[in-house]
Amino acid sequence: MLRYFNFRVIWQYMPLFLKGLWATCWISGISIFFALILGIIACGMRLSGRRFLQKLAGIYIESIRSTPLLAQLYFFYFGLPNLHIYINEVETGILALALNSGAYIAEIIRAGIISIPSGQTEAATAYGLSYFQRMRYIILPQAIGVTIPALLGQFIVLVKDSSLVSLISVLELTRAAQRLASERFMPAEGFFTAAAFYLLIYYVLKYLSNWWQNHLIFMEGK
């Protein structure tokens, strides 16, 4: 099949694809950063003893998980200007990706926290650590450690979902493939190249995940 590909055209569009790759990486990276923060906060609220915070986190998580990302993206893109909130397309994409992924990360971390033996929490409480100190120094490091494979999966989903920001005219990998397909009428070449770059990102994330697991001090054998 590859012998029918026009690699010369792919090479001509390579600067555009590299620009799209860089945009995909930094948009995904910033989205992952904010998604982790949102996920940790929402998880803490869900596990807190305060009913109001539990309800608030539950509404956020369930509303995000029960609606498609594309609908959320369009809601922010078309809805925020009606509320006199004006942000550009890239910021809209990061907002939608972070909020969407943050809801799933909250549940992933919550599952990790629940898996931590209750005796550790009781011991930390006996030493006089506050709720936030217990979460920061005892519970969260272990919870994140045991949920690294699930978090990696969610990060990969976020990177793939970042292709949806092409629908609001953000130049990233999928948008670069669309440009090649529309200008040269070669969709196979365009989307094959984009898929190859997404595969590269996947293996980089997988390598980082393995490195992280091998260097955590509380992993087995360390």
Protein backbone atom coordinates (compact mmCIF):
# COMPACT_ATOMS: atom_id res chain seq x y z
CA MET A 1 0.00 0.00 0.00
CA LEU A 2 2.77 2.43 0.91
CA ARG A 3 4.20 2.29 -2.61
CA TYR A 4 1.16 4.25 -3.81
CA PHE A 5 1.80 7.03 -1.32
CA ASN A 6 3.22 10.31 -2.57
CA PHE A 7 5.97 10.80 -0.01
CA ARG A 8 7.26 13.82 -1.88
CA VAL A 9 4.07 15.72 -1.05
CA ILE A 10 4.27 14.55 2.57
CA TRP A 11 7.82 15.89 2.74
CA GLN A 12 6.68 19.22 1.27
CA TYR A 13 4.06 19.51 4.00
CA MET A 14 6.38 18.31 6.76
CA PRO A 15 6.97 21.85 8.17
CA LEU A 16 3.19 22.15 8.58
CA PHE A 17 3.00 18.76 10.28
CA LEU A 18 5.88 19.63 12.61
CA LYS A 19 4.11 22.84 13.52
CA GLY A 20 0.95 20.82 14.16
CA LEU A 21 2.93 18.29 16.22
CA TRP A 22 4.34 21.03 18.41
CA ALA A 23 0.85 22.53 18.85
CA THR A 24 -0.62 19.11 19.75
CA CYS A 25 2.15 18.50 22.30
CA TRP A 26 1.96 21.81 24.12
CA ILE A 27 -1.84 22.01 24.03
CA SER A 28 -2.06 18.46 25.39
CA GLY A 29 0.67 19.13 27.97
CA ILE A 30 -1.03 22.22 29.37
CA SER A 31 -4.40 20.44 29.33
CA ILE A 32 -2.95 17.47 31.22
CA PHE A 33 -1.42 19.80 33.82
CA PHE A 34 -4.71 21.57 34.52
CA ALA A 35 -6.67 18.30 34.29
CA LEU A 36 -4.47 16.81 37.03
CA ILE A 37 -5.08 19.82 39.25
CA LEU A 38 -8.83 19.73 38.61
CA GLY A 39 -8.91 15.97 39.11
CA ILE A 40 -7.09 16.14 42.45
CA ILE A 41 -9.32 18.97 43.69
CA ALA A 42 -12.53 17.23 42.56
CA CYS A 43 -11.35 13.97 44.11
CA GLY A 44 -10.57 15.70 47.41
CA MET A 45 -14.00 17.32 47.40
CA ARG A 46 -15.70 13.99 46.63
CA LEU A 47 -13.92 12.27 49.51
CA SER A 48 -14.33 15.12 51.99
CA GLY A 49 -16.83 14.83 54.78
CA ARG A 50 -18.69 17.94 53.69
CA ARG A 51 -21.93 17.20 51.89
CA PHE A 52 -21.91 20.42 49.85
CA LEU A 53 -18.45 19.76 48.45
CA GLN A 54 -19.36 16.15 47.66
CA LYS A 55 -22.47 17.27 45.79
CA LEU A 56 -20.56 19.95 43.88
CA ALA A 57 -17.83 17.54 42.79
CA GLY A 58 -20.44 14.92 41.90
CA ILE A 59 -22.33 17.36 39.65
CA TYR A 60 -19.11 18.33 37.86
CA ILE A 61 -17.94 14.73 37.35
CA GLU A 62 -21.28 13.30 36.27
CA SER A 63 -22.17 16.18 33.95
CA ILE A 64 -18.81 15.93 32.17
CA ARG A 65 -18.79 12.14 31.92
CA SER A 66 -22.37 11.99 30.63
CA THR A 67 -21.86 14.42 27.72
CA PRO A 68 -19.54 14.12 24.69
CA LEU A 69 -16.39 16.21 24.52
CA LEU A 70 -17.41 17.65 21.15
CA ALA A 71 -20.62 19.07 22.66
CA GLN A 72 -18.61 20.55 25.53
CA LEU A 73 -16.10 22.07 23.11
CA TYR A 74 -18.86 23.70 21.04
CA PHE A 75 -20.61 24.87 24.21
CA PHE A 76 -17.53 26.78 25.33
CA TYR A 77 -16.70 28.00 21.84
CA PHE A 78 -20.17 29.36 21.05
CA GLY A 79 -21.60 29.77 24.54
CA LEU A 80 -18.94 31.75 26.39
CA PRO A 81 -19.15 34.79 24.04
CA ASN A 82 -22.88 34.99 24.86
CA LEU A 83 -21.84 35.35 28.51
CA HIS A 84 -19.40 38.11 27.47
CA ILE A 85 -16.43 35.84 28.18
CA TYR A 86 -14.01 36.06 25.27
CA ILE A 87 -11.11 33.64 24.90
CA ASN A 88 -9.37 32.50 21.74
CA GLU A 89 -9.71 29.13 20.05
CA VAL A 90 -6.61 27.61 21.66
CA GLU A 91 -7.68 28.64 25.16
CA THR A 92 -11.16 27.27 24.47
CA GLY A 93 -9.66 23.94 23.43
CA ILE A 94 -7.45 23.75 26.53
CA LEU A 95 -10.42 24.62 28.77
CA ALA A 96 -12.61 21.91 27.25
CA LEU A 97 -9.88 19.26 27.31
CA ALA A 98 -8.84 20.03 30.89
CA LEU A 99 -12.39 20.03 32.25
CA ASN A 100 -13.26 16.83 30.40
CA SER A 101 -10.16 14.89 31.38
CA GLY A 102 -10.19 16.26 34.93
CA ALA A 103 -13.49 14.51 35.65
CA TYR A 104 -12.07 11.14 34.64
CA ILE A 105 -8.80 11.73 36.47
CA ALA A 106 -10.77 12.52 39.64
CA GLU A 107 -12.39 9.09 39.53
CA ILE A 108 -9.09 7.37 38.72
CA ILE A 109 -7.33 8.98 41.69
CA ARG A 110 -10.33 8.32 43.93
CA ALA A 111 -10.06 4.62 43.11
CA GLY A 112 -6.35 4.77 43.97
CA ILE A 113 -7.03 6.49 47.29
CA ILE A 114 -9.67 3.95 48.25
CA SER A 115 -7.13 1.19 47.58
CA ILE A 116 -4.72 2.61 50.20
CA PRO A 117 -4.99 0.68 53.50
CA SER A 118 -7.01 2.62 56.05
CA GLY A 119 -4.35 1.95 58.67
CA GLN A 120 -2.04 4.48 57.04
CA THR A 121 -4.68 7.19 57.30
CA GLU A 122 -5.32 6.29 60.91
CA ALA A 123 -1.58 6.40 61.68
CA ALA A 124 -1.25 9.82 60.01
CA THR A 125 -4.22 11.07 62.01
CA ALA A 126 -2.63 9.76 65.20
CA TYR A 127 0.51 11.75 64.43
CA GLY A 128 -1.63 14.88 64.25
CA LEU A 129 -1.55 15.45 60.48
CA SER A 130 -4.43 17.48 59.08
CA TYR A 131 -6.61 16.28 56.21
CA PHE A 132 -4.60 18.22 53.64
CA GLN A 133 -1.29 17.06 55.11
CA ARG A 134 -2.45 13.43 55.01
CA MET A 135 -3.50 13.80 51.39
CA ARG A 136 -0.32 15.60 50.34
CA TYR A 137 2.33 13.55 52.12
CA ILE A 138 0.77 10.11 52.64
CA ILE A 139 -2.23 9.31 50.46
CA LEU A 140 -1.85 11.14 47.13
CA PRO A 141 1.74 10.05 46.35
CA GLN A 142 0.76 6.41 46.78
CA ALA A 143 -2.58 6.79 45.01
CA ILE A 144 -0.97 8.41 41.98
CA GLY A 145 1.70 5.71 42.00
CA VAL A 146 -0.74 2.81 41.81
CA THR A 147 -2.88 4.56 39.20
CA ILE A 148 -0.08 5.43 36.77
CA PRO A 149 -1.25 2.93 34.10
CA ALA A 150 -4.80 4.30 34.27
CA LEU A 151 -3.56 7.89 34.25
CA LEU A 152 -1.36 7.12 31.24
CA GLY A 153 -4.41 5.76 29.45
CA GLN A 154 -6.33 8.94 30.22
CA PHE A 155 -3.43 11.12 29.04
CA ILE A 156 -3.35 9.20 25.76
CA VAL A 157 -7.10 9.69 25.38
CA LEU A 158 -6.61 13.42 25.96
CA VAL A 159 -3.91 13.61 23.29
CA LYS A 160 -6.18 11.86 20.80
CA ASP A 161 -9.14 14.01 21.82
CA SER A 162 -7.03 17.12 21.15
CA SER A 163 -7.70 16.41 17.47
CA LEU A 164 -11.20 17.82 18.04
CA VAL A 165 -9.80 21.33 18.45
CA SER A 166 -9.18 21.23 14.70
CA LEU A 167 -12.96 21.76 14.39
CA ILE A 168 -12.56 25.25 15.87
CA SER A 169 -9.72 26.09 13.47
CA VAL A 170 -6.76 25.34 15.74
CA LEU A 171 -3.74 24.26 13.71
CA GLU A 172 -2.57 20.94 15.18
CA LEU A 173 -1.84 17.51 13.69
CA THR A 174 -5.34 16.71 12.49
CA ARG A 175 -5.77 20.21 11.07
CA ALA A 176 -2.48 19.81 9.18
CA ALA A 177 -3.77 16.54 7.71
CA GLN A 178 -7.00 18.28 6.71
CA ARG A 179 -5.01 21.03 5.00
CA LEU A 180 -3.03 18.53 2.94
CA ALA A 181 -6.20 16.61 2.04
CA SER A 182 -8.07 19.72 0.93
CA GLU A 183 -5.22 21.38 -0.95
CA ARG A 184 -3.79 18.30 -2.69
CA PHE A 185 -6.78 15.91 -2.51
CA MET A 186 -4.60 13.33 -0.79
CA PRO A 187 -6.42 12.35 2.42
CA ALA A 188 -4.55 9.04 2.78
CA GLU A 189 -1.15 10.74 2.86
CA GLY A 190 -2.35 13.46 5.22
CA PHE A 191 -4.04 11.31 7.82
CA PHE A 192 -1.41 8.56 7.60
CA THR A 193 1.24 11.13 8.53
CA ALA A 194 -0.89 12.50 11.37
CA ALA A 195 -1.48 8.96 12.68
CA ALA A 196 2.26 8.27 12.61
CA PHE A 197 2.93 11.34 14.76
CA TYR A 198 0.16 10.37 17.21
CA LEU A 199 1.79 6.94 17.48
CA LEU A 200 5.11 8.64 18.26
CA ILE A 201 3.49 10.67 21.05
CA TYR A 202 1.98 7.47 22.44
CA TYR A 203 5.35 5.73 22.72
CA VAL A 204 6.93 8.80 24.32
CA LEU A 205 4.17 8.85 26.96
CA LYS A 206 4.55 5.13 27.50
CA TYR A 207 8.32 5.52 28.01
CA LEU A 208 7.79 8.35 30.50
CA SER A 209 5.22 6.27 32.36
CA ASN A 210 7.64 3.33 32.68
CA TRP A 211 10.42 5.67 33.80
CA TRP A 212 8.13 7.24 36.40
CA GLN A 213 7.09 3.85 37.77
CA ASN A 214 10.69 2.67 38.02
CA HIS A 215 11.78 5.75 39.97
CA LEU A 216 8.98 6.01 42.51
CA ILE A 217 10.44 5.27 45.92
CA PHE A 218 7.33 3.51 47.14
CA MET A 219 7.11 1.05 44.25
CA GLU A 220 7.90 -2.56 45.02
CA GLY A 221 11.55 -3.46 44.88
CA LYS A 222 12.72 0.07 45.56
